[in-house]
Amino acid sequence: MIISRKAFYTGCYVAAVFFLVAYLFLSYQNIYSWAGWLLALFFVSIAIAFRGSKSLKGYWYSVLILGVAAIAMYYPHHFKTVGGKDASFFIPFLLQVIMFGMGTELSLKDFARIMRMPKGVIVGIVCHYTIMPLVGLAVAHMFHFPGEVAAGIILLGCCPSGLASNVMCYLAKANLALSVSVTTVSTLLAPFLTPLLMKMLGGSYVEIDFWKMVWDITKIVILPIGAGLAFHYIVRGKLKWLDKAMPVFSMMGIALVLLVITAAGRDNLLKVGSLLIVATFIHNMTGYFLGYWSARVLKFPEKDCRTIALEVGMQNAGLASALAKALGKIATVGLASVIFGTMMNLTGSLLANWWHNHPPEEDIKEAELTT
């Protein structure tokens, strides 16, 4: 008997309801040994169901990340060590895999494209590396977090654009070419700008070794991207299965990084989690707002305004996590990146889908001219 796609996805919604009811029942009975797994299965079922919906498909990965976070919060002891080794040891390696994946998607044509739209790239980079670090500093002061937690918020603000911004720009019908260009340039500038800004803004919270952070970012970001770029020209296209697998490896890598950091910082998250959620939400939304209106003031087209908003508001939370690990403070400095990574996927998906259903004026006019 063959089950239709519609019946399968409907079944996923039914399963999600069952798992949620079972989770609430066990939680009411204070039976937590199984409750966390049921909550995770609820999120996984919803994520699969969303994959079958045109209007909700853009949210599936964000929902899956919530399932990962649920597992880590309920059963942190499973993910703190691997084979007797501190699990955070693998974070830099996982991020290198993600950056390698980014490199495989690049080509020399991408760098040529940057030269064709210098104004948008420059504005995007300047907005990103001024708005997010300064807003991070303001938020850290506003909430009076412990020093190392505050440093994590500032560190997050000093990191380059997140790769997820490219996906969100595509969904939002924004300028994808500009998005890829801003992400690429902000990432390549990170070995210099991130340590410099962190030293200036966060040096009073934690000790920052400038040159060590430069090298950490270089080996975590620049070298894997270079290897990925070489892969693009030497191997890409010859191994079709590997081309398709790289984006999956990147998504798995992000999920595993969040899993390990959430488990490591679970106790601290329970202490400051609610306030940190509010703080990261303000940080994230302010980035979108100021990025968008900075571009509007400079009279950019609507598509470019959306792009700069997403590029400014979405950070490379994985890099912030790896740098927190390098500082030896993954359970404190790394907390903000855990929540921000989940937060930006949710808010970015919501914003991108809203914009997707409200096409830019220039697209509407172009459609009218062609009909």
Protein backbone atom coordinates (compact mmCIF):
# COMPACT_ATOMS: atom_id res chain seq x y z
CA MET A 1 0.00 0.00 0.00
CA ILE A 2 1.47 3.34 -1.09
CA ILE A 3 0.75 6.34 1.13
CA SER A 4 0.18 9.63 -0.70
CA ARG A 5 2.35 12.64 0.11
CA LYS A 6 -0.65 14.52 1.47
CA ALA A 7 -1.60 11.63 3.77
CA PHE A 8 2.00 11.35 4.97
CA TYR A 9 2.29 15.02 5.92
CA THR A 10 -1.17 14.97 7.51
CA GLY A 11 0.00 11.99 9.54
CA CYS A 12 2.98 14.04 10.72
CA TYR A 13 0.63 16.73 12.06
CA VAL A 14 -1.42 14.05 13.85
CA ALA A 15 1.75 12.55 15.32
CA ALA A 16 2.88 16.02 16.46
CA VAL A 17 -0.39 16.52 18.35
CA PHE A 18 0.00 13.10 19.99
CA PHE A 19 3.60 13.81 21.04
CA LEU A 20 2.67 17.24 22.42
CA VAL A 21 -0.25 15.86 24.48
CA ALA A 22 1.96 13.04 25.79
CA TYR A 23 4.70 15.55 26.67
CA LEU A 24 2.27 17.78 28.58
CA PHE A 25 0.88 14.77 30.45
CA LEU A 26 4.31 13.46 31.49
CA SER A 27 5.43 16.97 32.49
CA TYR A 28 2.30 17.33 34.65
CA GLN A 29 3.17 13.99 36.26
CA ASN A 30 6.78 15.16 36.76
CA ILE A 31 8.08 12.25 34.63
CA TYR A 32 10.96 14.03 32.90
CA SER A 33 12.99 11.00 31.85
CA TRP A 34 10.82 10.65 28.72
CA ALA A 35 9.25 14.12 28.48
CA GLY A 36 12.21 15.67 26.66
CA TRP A 37 12.22 13.01 23.94
CA LEU A 38 8.50 13.52 23.37
CA LEU A 39 8.99 17.29 23.05
CA ALA A 40 11.81 16.72 20.54
CA LEU A 41 9.63 14.30 18.56
CA PHE A 42 6.90 16.96 18.51
CA PHE A 43 9.28 19.45 16.89
CA VAL A 44 10.66 16.85 14.45
CA SER A 45 7.12 15.87 13.37
CA ILE A 46 6.18 19.51 12.84
CA ALA A 47 9.39 20.13 10.88
CA ILE A 48 8.67 17.19 8.55
CA ALA A 49 5.06 18.32 8.12
CA PHE A 50 6.22 21.86 7.27
CA ARG A 51 8.40 20.42 4.49
CA GLY A 52 5.19 19.44 2.71
CA SER A 53 3.64 22.90 2.85
CA LYS A 54 4.46 25.64 0.34
CA SER A 55 3.69 28.42 2.83
CA LEU A 56 5.47 26.80 5.81
CA LYS A 57 8.39 25.07 4.10
CA GLY A 58 10.75 27.92 4.98
CA TYR A 59 10.29 27.25 8.71
CA TRP A 60 11.15 23.53 8.85
CA TYR A 61 14.82 23.92 9.79
CA SER A 62 14.06 26.52 12.46
CA VAL A 63 11.55 24.14 14.08
CA LEU A 64 14.05 21.29 13.89
CA ILE A 65 16.59 23.45 15.74
CA LEU A 66 14.05 23.85 18.56
CA GLY A 67 13.93 20.05 18.81
CA VAL A 68 17.73 19.95 19.08
CA ALA A 69 17.64 22.59 21.83
CA ALA A 70 14.95 20.63 23.71
CA ILE A 71 17.08 17.46 23.73
CA ALA A 72 20.13 19.38 24.98
CA MET A 73 18.19 21.11 27.77
CA TYR A 74 16.59 17.91 29.04
CA TYR A 75 19.54 15.55 28.67
CA PRO A 76 22.73 17.66 28.71
CA HIS A 77 24.84 14.87 30.23
CA HIS A 78 24.60 12.92 26.97
CA PHE A 79 26.24 15.72 24.96
CA LYS A 80 28.89 17.17 27.27
CA THR A 81 31.44 14.47 26.54
CA VAL A 82 32.15 12.15 23.61
CA GLY A 83 34.38 9.16 24.29
CA GLY A 84 35.51 10.74 27.54
CA LYS A 85 36.47 13.97 25.76
CA ASP A 86 34.84 17.37 26.21
CA ALA A 87 32.30 17.57 23.35
CA SER A 88 33.04 21.26 22.76
CA PHE A 89 36.39 20.07 21.36
CA PHE A 90 34.51 19.31 18.10
CA ILE A 91 32.95 22.76 17.65
CA PRO A 92 35.84 24.32 15.64
CA PHE A 93 35.94 21.23 13.39
CA LEU A 94 32.18 21.38 12.79
CA LEU A 95 32.41 25.06 11.91
CA GLN A 96 35.28 24.34 9.53
CA VAL A 97 33.00 21.86 7.74
CA ILE A 98 30.32 24.58 7.48
CA MET A 99 32.84 27.12 6.16
CA PHE A 100 34.19 24.54 3.70
CA GLY A 101 30.62 24.10 2.47
CA MET A 102 30.38 27.87 1.97
CA GLY A 103 33.62 27.81 -0.01
CA THR A 104 32.32 25.08 -2.34
CA GLU A 105 29.42 27.37 -3.28
CA LEU A 106 31.75 30.24 -4.24
CA SER A 107 33.52 30.91 -7.52
CA LEU A 108 35.62 33.70 -8.98
CA LYS A 109 32.42 34.98 -10.62
CA ASP A 110 31.09 35.79 -7.14
CA PHE A 111 34.06 38.05 -6.48
CA ALA A 112 33.60 39.72 -9.88
CA ARG A 113 29.96 40.35 -8.96
CA ILE A 114 31.09 42.19 -5.82
CA MET A 115 32.90 44.70 -8.01
CA ARG A 116 29.68 45.34 -9.98
CA MET A 117 27.73 46.40 -6.89
CA PRO A 118 30.30 48.14 -4.65
CA LYS A 119 27.87 50.63 -3.08
CA GLY A 120 25.51 47.95 -1.75
CA VAL A 121 28.36 45.79 -0.47
CA ILE A 122 30.10 48.72 1.27
CA VAL A 123 26.88 49.92 2.93
CA GLY A 124 26.01 46.36 3.98
CA ILE A 125 29.46 45.79 5.52
CA VAL A 126 29.59 49.17 7.28
CA CYS A 127 26.07 48.73 8.71
CA HIS A 128 26.85 45.19 9.82
CA TYR A 129 30.10 45.98 11.60
CA THR A 130 28.77 49.14 13.28
CA ILE A 131 25.12 48.42 14.14
CA MET A 132 25.45 44.91 15.56
CA PRO A 133 28.56 45.47 17.76
CA LEU A 134 27.19 48.74 19.19
CA VAL A 135 23.70 47.33 19.76
CA GLY A 136 25.30 44.29 21.42
CA LEU A 137 27.25 46.59 23.75
CA ALA A 138 24.10 48.58 24.57
CA VAL A 139 22.06 45.44 25.26
CA ALA A 140 24.79 43.99 27.49
CA HIS A 141 24.79 47.21 29.55
CA MET A 142 21.00 47.43 29.62
CA PHE A 143 20.46 44.01 31.19
CA HIS A 144 23.46 44.03 33.57
CA PHE A 145 24.45 40.46 32.71
CA PRO A 146 27.45 38.81 34.40
CA GLY A 147 30.68 39.85 32.67
CA GLU A 148 31.27 36.72 30.61
CA VAL A 149 27.63 36.48 29.48
CA ALA A 150 27.74 40.16 28.46
CA ALA A 151 30.99 39.49 26.58
CA GLY A 152 29.19 36.75 24.64
CA ILE A 153 26.53 39.20 23.45
CA ILE A 154 29.18 41.66 22.29
CA LEU A 155 31.22 38.89 20.64
CA LEU A 156 28.13 37.79 18.73
CA GLY A 157 27.62 41.37 17.50
CA CYS A 158 31.22 41.53 16.29
CA CYS A 159 30.94 38.41 14.12
CA PRO A 160 30.27 38.42 10.35
CA SER A 161 26.95 37.72 8.63
CA GLY A 162 25.43 34.28 9.00
CA LEU A 163 25.09 31.90 6.05
CA ALA A 164 21.38 31.59 6.85
CA SER A 165 20.92 35.17 5.63
CA ASN A 166 21.43 33.99 2.03
CA VAL A 167 18.58 31.49 2.35
CA MET A 168 16.33 34.11 3.97
CA CYS A 169 17.11 36.63 1.22
CA TYR A 170 16.11 34.07 -1.38
CA LEU A 171 12.80 33.44 0.42
CA ALA A 172 12.21 37.18 0.88
CA LYS A 173 12.61 37.91 -2.85
CA ALA A 174 15.50 40.18 -1.94
CA ASN A 175 18.77 40.73 -3.84
CA LEU A 176 20.41 37.32 -3.47
CA ALA A 177 23.55 38.36 -5.35
CA LEU A 178 24.07 41.26 -2.94
CA SER A 179 23.39 38.98 0.02
CA VAL A 180 26.03 36.45 -1.03
CA SER A 181 28.48 39.30 -1.69
CA VAL A 182 27.96 40.92 1.74
CA THR A 183 28.21 37.56 3.53
CA THR A 184 31.39 36.70 1.65
CA VAL A 185 33.14 40.03 2.24
CA SER A 186 32.06 40.30 5.90
CA THR A 187 33.37 36.77 6.47
CA LEU A 188 36.70 37.50 4.76
CA LEU A 189 37.10 40.67 6.86
CA ALA A 190 36.29 38.85 10.10
CA PRO A 191 39.89 37.83 11.00
CA PHE A 192 40.73 41.52 11.38
CA LEU A 193 37.47 43.28 12.30
CA THR A 194 36.04 40.78 14.80
CA PRO A 195 39.13 40.75 17.10
CA LEU A 196 39.54 44.53 16.77
CA LEU A 197 35.93 45.29 17.68
CA MET A 198 35.90 42.69 20.45
CA LYS A 199 39.09 44.14 21.93
CA MET A 200 37.59 47.66 21.87
CA LEU A 201 34.08 46.85 23.07
CA GLY A 202 34.37 43.62 25.06
CA GLY A 203 37.89 43.82 26.44
CA SER A 204 36.62 45.09 29.79
CA TYR A 205 34.52 41.92 30.27
CA VAL A 206 37.02 39.20 29.25
CA GLU A 207 40.69 39.23 28.35
CA ILE A 208 41.14 39.30 24.57
CA ASP A 209 44.37 38.16 22.91
CA PHE A 210 44.04 40.01 19.59
CA TRP A 211 46.52 37.98 17.53
CA LYS A 212 45.33 34.66 18.92
CA MET A 213 41.76 35.52 17.90
CA VAL A 214 43.02 36.58 14.46
CA TRP A 215 44.61 33.14 14.04
CA ASP A 216 41.58 31.32 15.48
CA ILE A 217 39.27 32.98 12.95
CA THR A 218 41.74 32.40 10.11
CA LYS A 219 41.98 28.66 10.72
CA ILE A 220 38.24 28.28 11.44
CA VAL A 221 36.96 30.45 8.58
CA ILE A 222 39.49 31.58 5.97
CA LEU A 223 41.45 28.34 5.43
CA PRO A 224 38.34 26.11 5.07
CA ILE A 225 36.73 28.63 2.67
CA GLY A 226 39.93 28.61 0.60
CA ALA A 227 39.89 24.80 0.58
CA GLY A 228 36.22 24.85 -0.43
CA LEU A 229 36.94 27.29 -3.26
CA ALA A 230 39.69 24.98 -4.52
CA PHE A 231 37.27 22.06 -4.26
CA HIS A 232 34.78 24.02 -6.37
CA TYR A 233 37.20 24.09 -9.31
CA ILE A 234 38.91 20.72 -8.88
CA VAL A 235 36.15 18.32 -7.85
CA ARG A 236 32.75 20.07 -7.96
CA GLY A 237 30.48 18.65 -10.65
CA LYS A 238 32.47 15.41 -10.89
CA LEU A 239 30.95 13.94 -7.72
CA LYS A 240 27.26 14.84 -7.94
CA TRP A 241 26.36 13.13 -4.66
CA LEU A 242 28.96 15.20 -2.80
CA ASP A 243 27.63 18.45 -4.28
CA LYS A 244 24.18 17.61 -2.93
CA ALA A 245 25.56 16.42 0.40
CA MET A 246 27.53 19.58 1.31
CA PRO A 247 24.47 21.74 2.20
CA VAL A 248 23.16 18.85 4.33
CA PHE A 249 26.53 18.56 6.11
CA SER A 250 26.43 22.31 6.79
CA MET A 251 22.94 22.14 8.32
CA MET A 252 23.91 19.12 10.42
CA GLY A 253 27.02 20.96 11.56
CA ILE A 254 25.01 23.97 12.75
CA ALA A 255 22.58 21.70 14.61
CA LEU A 256 25.42 19.81 16.32
CA VAL A 257 27.17 23.04 17.37
CA LEU A 258 23.95 24.27 18.99
CA LEU A 259 23.43 20.88 20.64
CA VAL A 260 26.88 20.86 22.26
CA ILE A 261 26.81 24.49 23.40
CA THR A 262 23.28 24.26 24.79
CA ALA A 263 24.26 21.15 26.77
CA ALA A 264 27.45 22.79 28.07
CA GLY A 265 25.67 25.99 29.13
CA ARG A 266 22.40 24.43 30.28
CA ASP A 267 22.75 25.35 33.98
CA ASN A 268 23.67 28.96 33.17
CA LEU A 269 20.83 29.13 30.64
CA LEU A 270 18.35 28.18 33.36
CA LYS A 271 19.64 31.10 35.45
CA VAL A 272 19.67 33.84 32.80
CA GLY A 273 17.80 32.17 29.94
CA SER A 274 14.60 34.25 29.97
CA LEU A 275 16.46 37.56 30.16
CA LEU A 276 18.95 36.41 27.53
CA ILE A 277 16.09 35.49 25.19
CA VAL A 278 14.69 39.02 25.53
CA ALA A 279 18.15 40.56 25.08
CA THR A 280 18.97 38.55 21.95
CA PHE A 281 15.51 39.27 20.52
CA ILE A 282 16.13 43.01 20.93
CA HIS A 283 19.62 42.63 19.41
CA ASN A 284 18.30 40.67 16.45
CA MET A 285 15.26 42.83 15.70
CA THR A 286 17.20 46.08 16.09
CA GLY A 287 19.65 44.77 13.51
CA TYR A 288 16.83 44.14 11.02
CA PHE A 289 15.21 47.52 11.72
CA LEU A 290 18.34 49.70 11.55
CA GLY A 291 19.74 47.76 8.60
CA TYR A 292 16.54 48.20 6.61
CA TRP A 293 16.09 51.89 7.37
CA SER A 294 19.76 52.71 6.81
CA ALA A 295 19.33 51.41 3.27
CA ARG A 296 16.00 53.24 2.85
CA VAL A 297 17.55 56.55 3.94
CA LEU A 298 20.28 56.02 1.34
CA LYS A 299 17.54 55.44 -1.28
CA PHE A 300 18.33 51.84 -2.11
CA PRO A 301 15.72 49.77 -4.00
CA GLU A 302 13.34 47.77 -1.80
CA LYS A 303 15.04 44.48 -2.68
CA ASP A 304 18.39 45.84 -1.49
CA CYS A 305 16.82 47.24 1.69
CA ARG A 306 15.51 43.80 2.55
CA THR A 307 18.89 42.27 1.82
CA ILE A 308 20.82 44.68 4.03
CA ALA A 309 18.26 44.23 6.83
CA LEU A 310 18.78 40.45 6.83
CA GLU A 311 22.56 40.72 6.41
CA VAL A 312 22.81 43.07 9.39
CA GLY A 313 20.39 41.22 11.67
CA MET A 314 21.68 37.68 11.10
CA GLN A 315 25.05 36.77 12.63
CA ASN A 316 27.43 33.84 12.31
CA ALA A 317 26.47 32.37 15.69
CA GLY A 318 28.58 29.28 14.97
CA LEU A 319 31.75 31.38 14.76
CA ALA A 320 30.85 33.14 18.02
CA SER A 321 30.50 29.69 19.62
CA ALA A 322 33.88 28.54 18.32
CA LEU A 323 35.56 31.72 19.57
CA ALA A 324 33.92 31.26 22.97
CA LYS A 325 35.40 27.75 22.99
CA ALA A 326 38.82 29.18 22.07
CA LEU A 327 38.52 31.56 25.04
CA GLY A 328 37.81 28.56 27.27
CA LYS A 329 34.42 29.97 28.27
CA ILE A 330 31.93 28.00 26.18
CA ALA A 331 29.42 27.69 29.07
CA THR A 332 29.21 31.48 29.61
CA VAL A 333 30.53 33.49 26.65
CA GLY A 334 28.93 30.91 24.34
CA LEU A 335 25.41 31.26 25.77
CA ALA A 336 24.30 34.23 23.66
CA SER A 337 25.23 32.45 20.43
CA VAL A 338 23.04 29.46 21.36
CA ILE A 339 19.92 31.57 21.82
CA PHE A 340 20.71 33.99 19.00
CA GLY A 341 21.31 31.14 16.55
CA THR A 342 17.85 29.74 17.24
CA MET A 343 16.24 33.17 17.48
CA MET A 344 17.52 34.49 14.15
CA ASN A 345 16.36 31.37 12.30
CA LEU A 346 12.84 31.86 13.66
CA THR A 347 12.63 35.64 13.18
CA GLY A 348 14.44 35.46 9.83
CA SER A 349 12.00 32.83 8.58
CA LEU A 350 9.00 34.89 9.70
CA LEU A 351 10.35 38.09 8.13
CA ALA A 352 11.40 36.36 4.91
CA ASN A 353 8.02 34.68 4.48
CA TRP A 354 6.21 37.98 5.17
CA TRP A 355 8.27 39.70 2.50
CA HIS A 356 7.80 36.73 0.16
CA ASN A 357 4.05 37.34 0.28
CA HIS A 358 4.56 41.10 -0.25
CA PRO A 359 6.75 41.37 -3.38
CA PRO A 360 8.92 44.49 -3.83
CA GLU A 361 7.32 47.29 -5.86
CA GLU A 362 9.97 46.99 -8.56
CA ASP A 363 9.03 43.32 -9.07
CA ILE A 364 5.33 44.19 -9.34
CA LYS A 365 6.02 46.93 -11.89
CA GLU A 366 8.26 44.61 -13.89
CA ALA A 367 5.54 41.94 -13.90
CA GLU A 368 2.98 44.50 -15.09
CA LEU A 369 5.24 45.57 -17.97
CA THR A 370 5.71 41.99 -19.15
CA THR A 371 1.97 41.22 -19.19
